[in-house]
Amino acid sequence: WLAANGEAIYATRALALPAQPAWGRITRNKAGDKLYLIVTDPPADHRLLVPVKAASVGRARLLGSGATLPVDTASSPALGGAFTIDLSGLKPEDLDVNATVIVVDVQGPLSGLAVAPPAPLTH
């Protein structure tokens, strides 16, 4: 795992967040132009809410394979600047049993946001 995903661990920095998201952890590179989303518990709705505000959010891709993932910044104002990544197109073999790493290209100052956790599912 580390051989394929070490970029998300080595030479990265913590991102100031009120709390890490329920789905995993977020780090950033030294330059501040890449976020690493270390997904250990993918959300059931396949929408990864990223509680980070950036001036610009670019491409999102799996670190191992380079497969691109759709990024939604359209709802960003309603989410306080947070954005979402759609994981629904991933196949089971795209997900790592330990942690799947997604790289997101960003620009501008980064700030962590307090995003309310999703409401629990009721039957």
Protein backbone atom coordinates (compact mmCIF):
# COMPACT_ATOMS: atom_id res chain seq x y z
CA TRP A 1 0.00 0.00 0.00
CA LEU A 2 2.74 2.45 0.94
CA ALA A 3 4.63 1.89 -2.30
CA ALA A 4 1.57 2.94 -4.33
CA ASN A 5 0.21 5.61 -1.98
CA GLY A 6 3.25 6.96 -0.12
CA GLU A 7 2.85 10.32 -1.87
CA ALA A 8 -0.18 10.93 0.39
CA ILE A 9 1.89 10.29 3.51
CA TYR A 10 5.51 11.38 2.93
CA ALA A 11 6.29 15.09 2.57
CA THR A 12 2.70 16.08 3.35
CA ARG A 13 1.27 18.35 5.97
CA ALA A 14 -1.80 18.21 8.15
CA LEU A 15 -4.62 20.46 7.06
CA ALA A 16 -6.18 22.57 9.79
CA LEU A 17 -9.62 21.04 10.17
CA PRO A 18 -11.99 21.28 13.14
CA ALA A 19 -12.23 17.48 12.81
CA GLN A 20 -11.26 14.89 10.23
CA PRO A 21 -14.20 13.65 8.11
CA ALA A 22 -15.98 10.43 9.05
CA TRP A 23 -14.86 8.80 5.79
CA GLY A 24 -11.10 9.11 6.48
CA ARG A 25 -8.27 11.67 6.62
CA ILE A 26 -7.07 14.66 4.58
CA THR A 27 -3.46 15.76 4.06
CA ARG A 28 -1.91 18.31 1.70
CA ASN A 29 1.43 18.58 -0.06
CA LYS A 30 4.01 21.20 0.98
CA ALA A 31 3.15 23.47 -1.95
CA GLY A 32 -0.53 23.41 -0.95
CA ASP A 33 -1.72 22.63 -4.48
CA LYS A 34 -2.76 19.00 -3.83
CA LEU A 35 -5.08 17.45 -1.30
CA TYR A 36 -4.83 13.78 -0.46
CA LEU A 37 -8.09 12.19 0.62
CA ILE A 38 -7.35 8.95 2.43
CA VAL A 39 -10.70 7.15 2.31
CA THR A 40 -11.02 4.33 4.84
CA ASP A 41 -14.82 4.27 5.11
CA PRO A 42 -16.50 5.33 1.83
CA PRO A 43 -19.94 6.90 2.33
CA ALA A 44 -22.95 4.75 1.46
CA ASP A 45 -24.32 7.40 -0.91
CA HIS A 46 -20.99 7.47 -2.85
CA ARG A 47 -20.72 11.26 -2.35
CA LEU A 48 -17.49 12.21 -0.63
CA LEU A 49 -18.03 15.55 1.10
CA VAL A 50 -14.66 17.31 1.34
CA PRO A 51 -14.77 19.96 4.11
CA VAL A 52 -12.12 22.19 2.55
CA LYS A 53 -12.51 25.60 0.98
CA ALA A 54 -10.10 26.49 -1.84
CA ALA A 55 -10.04 29.31 -4.38
CA SER A 56 -10.16 26.71 -7.15
CA VAL A 57 -10.77 22.96 -7.19
CA GLY A 58 -9.49 21.05 -10.19
CA ARG A 59 -9.17 17.42 -11.15
CA ALA A 60 -9.66 14.52 -8.73
CA ARG A 61 -8.06 11.15 -9.45
CA LEU A 62 -7.19 7.87 -7.76
CA LEU A 63 -3.56 7.93 -6.73
CA GLY A 64 -2.86 4.33 -7.75
CA SER A 65 -4.54 4.12 -11.16
CA GLY A 66 -4.95 7.77 -12.14
CA ALA A 67 -8.67 7.21 -12.87
CA THR A 68 -10.47 10.55 -12.73
CA LEU A 69 -13.49 11.19 -10.54
CA PRO A 70 -16.23 13.82 -10.99
CA VAL A 71 -15.92 16.86 -8.71
CA ASP A 72 -18.97 18.96 -7.83
CA THR A 73 -18.25 22.52 -6.80
CA ALA A 74 -21.67 23.84 -7.91
CA SER A 75 -23.16 23.22 -4.48
CA SER A 76 -20.10 24.70 -2.81
CA PRO A 77 -21.79 27.94 -1.61
CA ALA A 78 -24.56 25.95 0.06
CA LEU A 79 -21.89 23.83 1.75
CA GLY A 80 -19.86 26.80 2.97
CA GLY A 81 -17.26 26.23 0.28
CA ALA A 82 -16.92 22.46 0.71
CA PHE A 83 -17.08 20.32 -2.42
CA THR A 84 -18.07 16.76 -3.24
CA ILE A 85 -16.51 13.94 -5.23
CA ASP A 86 -18.69 11.29 -6.85
CA LEU A 87 -17.42 7.78 -6.11
CA SER A 88 -20.35 5.97 -7.77
CA GLY A 89 -18.35 5.20 -10.93
CA LEU A 90 -15.70 3.23 -9.05
CA LYS A 91 -15.60 -0.54 -9.40
CA PRO A 92 -14.94 -2.72 -6.35
CA GLU A 93 -11.44 -3.42 -7.65
CA ASP A 94 -10.71 0.34 -7.65
CA LEU A 95 -11.13 0.46 -3.87
CA ASP A 96 -8.30 -0.59 -1.58
CA VAL A 97 -9.44 -2.65 1.42
CA ASN A 98 -7.18 -0.59 3.72
CA ALA A 99 -7.55 2.91 2.29
CA THR A 100 -8.24 4.39 -1.13
CA VAL A 101 -6.31 7.58 -1.87
CA ILE A 102 -7.73 10.36 -4.04
CA VAL A 103 -5.59 13.31 -5.16
CA VAL A 104 -7.36 16.63 -5.76
CA ASP A 105 -5.66 19.56 -7.50
CA VAL A 106 -6.44 22.84 -5.71
CA GLN A 107 -5.33 26.47 -5.91
CA GLY A 108 -5.36 29.37 -3.51
CA PRO A 109 -5.46 29.42 0.25
CA LEU A 110 -6.96 26.33 1.86
CA SER A 111 -9.14 26.36 4.93
CA GLY A 112 -10.83 23.54 6.75
CA LEU A 113 -14.55 23.76 7.39
CA ALA A 114 -16.75 22.38 10.10
CA VAL A 115 -19.29 20.31 8.20
CA ALA A 116 -22.12 18.66 10.07
CA PRO A 117 -22.03 14.88 9.88
CA PRO A 118 -24.77 13.28 7.80
CA ALA A 119 -28.00 12.43 9.53
CA PRO A 120 -28.22 8.79 10.61
CA LEU A 121 -30.23 6.49 8.39
CA THR A 122 -33.61 5.42 9.75
CA HIS A 123 -35.59 2.41 8.68
